[in-house]
């Protein structure tokens, strides 16, 4: 099965990555909804958790239609342009670190803001209200909190995961 997935990444990278991201975003949101309901006592015998399928669909659409394609092209651009002259065998950590730094400073805030706009646009249909919610005061704390997980994760991805398998 892993071999078939690897071949699909080689032959149809955007479709494969978009499908994978949509599924993973849907699973992630479903787990988040379940966890939130459990934290609020929503999974007790007397209360049933309310599952927001529309929200899960919005997350899936974001993952498949926006996140995966932008990541695909971002990773390809980074591979060609950031620390591209460094020898993979001589300076792999420096190469990966340069890419992680740029990824963390440019793509991560863009991605967080995009998710806020996407979800608000999906919920309200009002693009101006959606853009208004994507403020630095909202994005920066999420970006900072995520750095403790995503910076080491992206270092591993940029160092060890081949380009065709990223995202």
C-alpha atoms as a PDB file:
ATOM      1  CA  UNK A   1       0.000   0.000   0.000  1.00  0.00           C
ATOM      2  CA  UNK A   2       2.865   2.378   0.817  1.00  0.00           C
ATOM      3  CA  UNK A   3       4.388   1.603  -2.570  1.00  0.00           C
ATOM      4  CA  UNK A   4       1.142   2.472  -4.336  1.00  0.00           C
ATOM      5  CA  UNK A   5       0.904   5.724  -2.400  1.00  0.00           C
ATOM      6  CA  UNK A   6       4.507   6.582  -3.287  1.00  0.00           C
ATOM      7  CA  UNK A   7       3.795   5.907  -6.975  1.00  0.00           C
ATOM      8  CA  UNK A   8       0.694   8.102  -6.788  1.00  0.00           C
ATOM      9  CA  UNK A   9       2.812  10.898  -5.308  1.00  0.00           C
ATOM     10  CA  UNK A  10       5.150  10.565  -8.287  1.00  0.00           C
ATOM     11  CA  UNK A  11       2.528  10.300 -11.031  1.00  0.00           C
ATOM     12  CA  UNK A  12      -0.255  12.563  -9.719  1.00  0.00           C
ATOM     13  CA  UNK A  13       1.271  14.646  -6.926  1.00  0.00           C
ATOM     14  CA  UNK A  14      -1.368  17.378  -6.629  1.00  0.00           C
ATOM     15  CA  UNK A  15      -4.335  15.014  -6.679  1.00  0.00           C
ATOM     16  CA  UNK A  16      -2.658  12.656  -4.212  1.00  0.00           C
ATOM     17  CA  UNK A  17      -1.541  15.404  -1.831  1.00  0.00           C
ATOM     18  CA  UNK A  18      -4.879  17.211  -2.048  1.00  0.00           C
ATOM     19  CA  UNK A  19      -6.843  14.028  -1.348  1.00  0.00           C
ATOM     20  CA  UNK A  20      -4.562  13.109   1.537  1.00  0.00           C
ATOM     21  CA  UNK A  21      -4.742  16.603   3.032  1.00  0.00           C
ATOM     22  CA  UNK A  22      -8.529  16.711   2.732  1.00  0.00           C
ATOM     23  CA  UNK A  23      -8.849  13.401   4.556  1.00  0.00           C
ATOM     24  CA  UNK A  24      -6.344  14.377   7.263  1.00  0.00           C
ATOM     25  CA  UNK A  25      -7.936  17.796   7.793  1.00  0.00           C
ATOM     26  CA  UNK A  26     -11.335  16.109   8.112  1.00  0.00           C
ATOM     27  CA  UNK A  27     -10.009  13.592  10.624  1.00  0.00           C
ATOM     28  CA  UNK A  28      -8.230  16.354  12.541  1.00  0.00           C
ATOM     29  CA  UNK A  29     -11.346  18.488  12.805  1.00  0.00           C
ATOM     30  CA  UNK A  30     -13.475  15.502  13.783  1.00  0.00           C
ATOM     31  CA  UNK A  31     -11.010  14.660  16.568  1.00  0.00           C
ATOM     32  CA  UNK A  32     -11.000  18.305  17.662  1.00  0.00           C
ATOM     33  CA  UNK A  33     -14.787  18.367  17.797  1.00  0.00           C
ATOM     34  CA  UNK A  34     -14.889  15.115  19.747  1.00  0.00           C
ATOM     35  CA  UNK A  35     -12.193  16.318  22.169  1.00  0.00           C
ATOM     36  CA  UNK A  36     -13.945  19.649  22.707  1.00  0.00           C
ATOM     37  CA  UNK A  37     -17.233  17.873  23.345  1.00  0.00           C
ATOM     38  CA  UNK A  38     -15.526  15.547  25.834  1.00  0.00           C
ATOM     39  CA  UNK A  39     -13.928  18.498  27.631  1.00  0.00           C
ATOM     40  CA  UNK A  40     -17.323  20.162  27.941  1.00  0.00           C
ATOM     41  CA  UNK A  41     -19.029  17.015  29.208  1.00  0.00           C
ATOM     42  CA  UNK A  42     -20.669  16.431  25.842  1.00  0.00           C
ATOM     43  CA  UNK A  43     -19.917  12.740  25.720  1.00  0.00           C
ATOM     44  CA  UNK A  44     -21.699  11.750  28.908  1.00  0.00           C
ATOM     45  CA  UNK A  45     -24.664   9.417  28.855  1.00  0.00           C
ATOM     46  CA  UNK A  46     -27.113  12.284  29.358  1.00  0.00           C
ATOM     47  CA  UNK A  47     -25.694  14.509  26.584  1.00  0.00           C
ATOM     48  CA  UNK A  48     -24.684  13.681  23.073  1.00  0.00           C
ATOM     49  CA  UNK A  49     -22.004  15.591  21.247  1.00  0.00           C
ATOM     50  CA  UNK A  50     -23.149  17.689  18.331  1.00  0.00           C
ATOM     51  CA  UNK A  51     -21.006  17.073  15.291  1.00  0.00           C
ATOM     52  CA  UNK A  52     -20.694  20.022  12.916  1.00  0.00           C
ATOM     53  CA  UNK A  53     -20.382  18.316   9.537  1.00  0.00           C
ATOM     54  CA  UNK A  54     -20.383  21.679   7.744  1.00  0.00           C
ATOM     55  CA  UNK A  55     -17.312  22.779   9.704  1.00  0.00           C
ATOM     56  CA  UNK A  56     -15.566  19.476   8.995  1.00  0.00           C
ATOM     57  CA  UNK A  57     -16.354  19.896   5.286  1.00  0.00           C
ATOM     58  CA  UNK A  58     -14.861  23.410   5.358  1.00  0.00           C
ATOM     59  CA  UNK A  59     -11.679  22.055   6.940  1.00  0.00           C
ATOM     60  CA  UNK A  60     -11.518  19.267   4.360  1.00  0.00           C
ATOM     61  CA  UNK A  61     -11.998  21.760   1.529  1.00  0.00           C
ATOM     62  CA  UNK A  62      -9.263  23.993   2.948  1.00  0.00           C
ATOM     63  CA  UNK A  63      -6.844  21.076   3.233  1.00  0.00           C
ATOM     64  CA  UNK A  64      -7.541  19.704  -0.220  1.00  0.00           C
ATOM     65  CA  UNK A  65      -8.195  22.818  -2.292  1.00  0.00           C
ATOM     66  CA  UNK A  66      -5.850  25.324  -0.660  1.00  0.00           C
ATOM     67  CA  UNK A  67      -3.318  23.939   1.808  1.00  0.00           C
ATOM     68  CA  UNK A  68      -1.980  20.969  -0.148  1.00  0.00           C
ATOM     69  CA  UNK A  69      -1.550  22.842  -3.463  1.00  0.00           C
ATOM     70  CA  UNK A  70       0.132  25.856  -1.844  1.00  0.00           C
ATOM     71  CA  UNK A  71       2.420  23.574   0.170  1.00  0.00           C
ATOM     72  CA  UNK A  72       3.274  21.567  -2.953  1.00  0.00           C
ATOM     73  CA  UNK A  73       4.417  24.652  -4.848  1.00  0.00           C
ATOM     74  CA  UNK A  74       6.017  26.229  -1.770  1.00  0.00           C
ATOM     75  CA  UNK A  75       8.174  23.153  -1.118  1.00  0.00           C
ATOM     76  CA  UNK A  76       9.198  23.000  -4.787  1.00  0.00           C
ATOM     77  CA  UNK A  77      10.129  26.701  -4.760  1.00  0.00           C
ATOM     78  CA  UNK A  78      12.099  26.283  -1.528  1.00  0.00           C
ATOM     79  CA  UNK A  79      13.968  23.291  -2.973  1.00  0.00           C
ATOM     80  CA  UNK A  80      14.999  25.308  -6.046  1.00  0.00           C
ATOM     81  CA  UNK A  81      15.759  28.634  -4.395  1.00  0.00           C
ATOM     82  CA  UNK A  82      16.656  28.403  -0.700  1.00  0.00           C
ATOM     83  CA  UNK A  83      20.085  27.032   0.133  1.00  0.00           C
ATOM     84  CA  UNK A  84      19.949  25.224  -3.190  1.00  0.00           C
ATOM     85  CA  UNK A  85      23.679  25.584  -3.768  1.00  0.00           C
ATOM     86  CA  UNK A  86      24.524  23.790  -0.536  1.00  0.00           C
ATOM     87  CA  UNK A  87      25.666  20.235  -0.998  1.00  0.00           C
ATOM     88  CA  UNK A  88      23.115  17.835   0.499  1.00  0.00           C
ATOM     89  CA  UNK A  89      25.884  15.593   1.755  1.00  0.00           C
ATOM     90  CA  UNK A  90      28.083  18.399   3.109  1.00  0.00           C
ATOM     91  CA  UNK A  91      25.638  20.897   4.641  1.00  0.00           C
ATOM     92  CA  UNK A  92      22.264  19.199   5.079  1.00  0.00           C
ATOM     93  CA  UNK A  93      21.467  20.738   8.463  1.00  0.00           C
ATOM     94  CA  UNK A  94      22.336  24.259   7.301  1.00  0.00           C
ATOM     95  CA  UNK A  95      20.232  23.760   4.176  1.00  0.00           C
ATOM     96  CA  UNK A  96      17.243  22.459   6.150  1.00  0.00           C
ATOM     97  CA  UNK A  97      17.616  25.207   8.765  1.00  0.00           C
ATOM     98  CA  UNK A  98      17.532  27.962   6.134  1.00  0.00           C
ATOM     99  CA  UNK A  99      14.369  26.483   4.664  1.00  0.00           C
ATOM    100  CA  UNK A 100      12.725  26.067   8.080  1.00  0.00           C
ATOM    101  CA  UNK A 101      13.534  29.665   8.966  1.00  0.00           C
ATOM    102  CA  UNK A 102      11.910  31.002   5.812  1.00  0.00           C
ATOM    103  CA  UNK A 103       9.019  28.572   6.126  1.00  0.00           C
ATOM    104  CA  UNK A 104       8.388  29.671   9.720  1.00  0.00           C
ATOM    105  CA  UNK A 105       8.588  33.382   8.957  1.00  0.00           C
ATOM    106  CA  UNK A 106       6.698  33.465   5.650  1.00  0.00           C
ATOM    107  CA  UNK A 107       4.554  30.419   4.951  1.00  0.00           C
ATOM    108  CA  UNK A 108       3.358  29.663   8.504  1.00  0.00           C
ATOM    109  CA  UNK A 109       1.750  33.074   9.176  1.00  0.00           C
ATOM    110  CA  UNK A 110       0.273  33.049   5.647  1.00  0.00           C
ATOM    111  CA  UNK A 111      -1.183  29.591   6.247  1.00  0.00           C
ATOM    112  CA  UNK A 112      -2.672  30.509   9.629  1.00  0.00           C
ATOM    113  CA  UNK A 113      -4.227  33.708   8.253  1.00  0.00           C
ATOM    114  CA  UNK A 114      -5.555  31.797   5.240  1.00  0.00           C
ATOM    115  CA  UNK A 115      -7.248  29.240   7.467  1.00  0.00           C
ATOM    116  CA  UNK A 116      -8.964  31.977   9.479  1.00  0.00           C
ATOM    117  CA  UNK A 117     -10.178  33.723   6.330  1.00  0.00           C
ATOM    118  CA  UNK A 118     -11.314  30.442   4.749  1.00  0.00           C
ATOM    119  CA  UNK A 119     -13.267  29.263   7.788  1.00  0.00           C
ATOM    120  CA  UNK A 120     -14.889  32.648   8.405  1.00  0.00           C
ATOM    121  CA  UNK A 121     -15.742  33.006   4.737  1.00  0.00           C
ATOM    122  CA  UNK A 122     -17.266  29.528   4.773  1.00  0.00           C
ATOM    123  CA  UNK A 123     -19.278  30.332   7.919  1.00  0.00           C
ATOM    124  CA  UNK A 124     -20.473  33.837   7.042  1.00  0.00           C
ATOM    125  CA  UNK A 125     -20.089  34.246   3.290  1.00  0.00           C
ATOM    126  CA  UNK A 126     -18.814  37.773   3.990  1.00  0.00           C
ATOM    127  CA  UNK A 127     -15.261  38.238   2.655  1.00  0.00           C
ATOM    128  CA  UNK A 128     -14.743  41.539   4.514  1.00  0.00           C
ATOM    129  CA  UNK A 129     -15.727  40.048   7.854  1.00  0.00           C
ATOM    130  CA  UNK A 130     -13.466  37.083   7.138  1.00  0.00           C
ATOM    131  CA  UNK A 131     -10.504  39.328   6.330  1.00  0.00           C
ATOM    132  CA  UNK A 132     -11.155  41.451   9.406  1.00  0.00           C
ATOM    133  CA  UNK A 133     -10.723  38.436  11.695  1.00  0.00           C
ATOM    134  CA  UNK A 134      -7.290  37.566  10.261  1.00  0.00           C
ATOM    135  CA  UNK A 135      -5.514  40.134  12.452  1.00  0.00           C
ATOM    136  CA  UNK A 136      -1.947  39.878  13.779  1.00  0.00           C
ATOM    137  CA  UNK A 137      -3.353  39.819  17.324  1.00  0.00           C
ATOM    138  CA  UNK A 138      -5.115  36.565  16.428  1.00  0.00           C
ATOM    139  CA  UNK A 139      -2.419  35.014  14.262  1.00  0.00           C
ATOM    140  CA  UNK A 140       0.749  35.752  16.255  1.00  0.00           C
ATOM    141  CA  UNK A 141      -0.167  33.784  19.425  1.00  0.00           C
ATOM    142  CA  UNK A 142      -1.124  30.752  17.318  1.00  0.00           C
ATOM    143  CA  UNK A 143       2.061  31.070  15.273  1.00  0.00           C
ATOM    144  CA  UNK A 144       4.214  31.317  18.416  1.00  0.00           C
ATOM    145  CA  UNK A 145       2.482  28.397  20.131  1.00  0.00           C
ATOM    146  CA  UNK A 146       2.803  26.227  17.033  1.00  0.00           C
ATOM    147  CA  UNK A 147       6.509  26.927  16.673  1.00  0.00           C
ATOM    148  CA  UNK A 148       7.470  24.548  19.475  1.00  0.00           C
ATOM    149  CA  UNK A 149       5.950  21.693  17.470  1.00  0.00           C
ATOM    150  CA  UNK A 150       6.288  22.813  13.865  1.00  0.00           C
ATOM    151  CA  UNK A 151       9.861  24.098  13.812  1.00  0.00           C
ATOM    152  CA  UNK A 152      11.392  20.746  14.851  1.00  0.00           C
ATOM    153  CA  UNK A 153       8.871  18.904  12.669  1.00  0.00           C
ATOM    154  CA  UNK A 154       9.712  21.026   9.624  1.00  0.00           C
ATOM    155  CA  UNK A 155      13.431  20.541  10.293  1.00  0.00           C
ATOM    156  CA  UNK A 156      12.921  16.778  10.045  1.00  0.00           C
ATOM    157  CA  UNK A 157      10.740  17.182   6.933  1.00  0.00           C
ATOM    158  CA  UNK A 158      13.197  19.452   5.107  1.00  0.00           C
ATOM    159  CA  UNK A 159      16.156  17.289   6.122  1.00  0.00           C
ATOM    160  CA  UNK A 160      14.842  13.759   5.597  1.00  0.00           C
ATOM    161  CA  UNK A 161      11.614  13.689   3.543  1.00  0.00           C
ATOM    162  CA  UNK A 162      12.130  13.653  -0.233  1.00  0.00           C
ATOM    163  CA  UNK A 163      10.495  16.524  -2.121  1.00  0.00           C
ATOM    164  CA  UNK A 164       7.828  14.385  -3.795  1.00  0.00           C
ATOM    165  CA  UNK A 165       6.627  13.091  -0.394  1.00  0.00           C
ATOM    166  CA  UNK A 166       6.345  16.440   1.384  1.00  0.00           C
ATOM    167  CA  UNK A 167       2.888  17.761   2.376  1.00  0.00           C
END
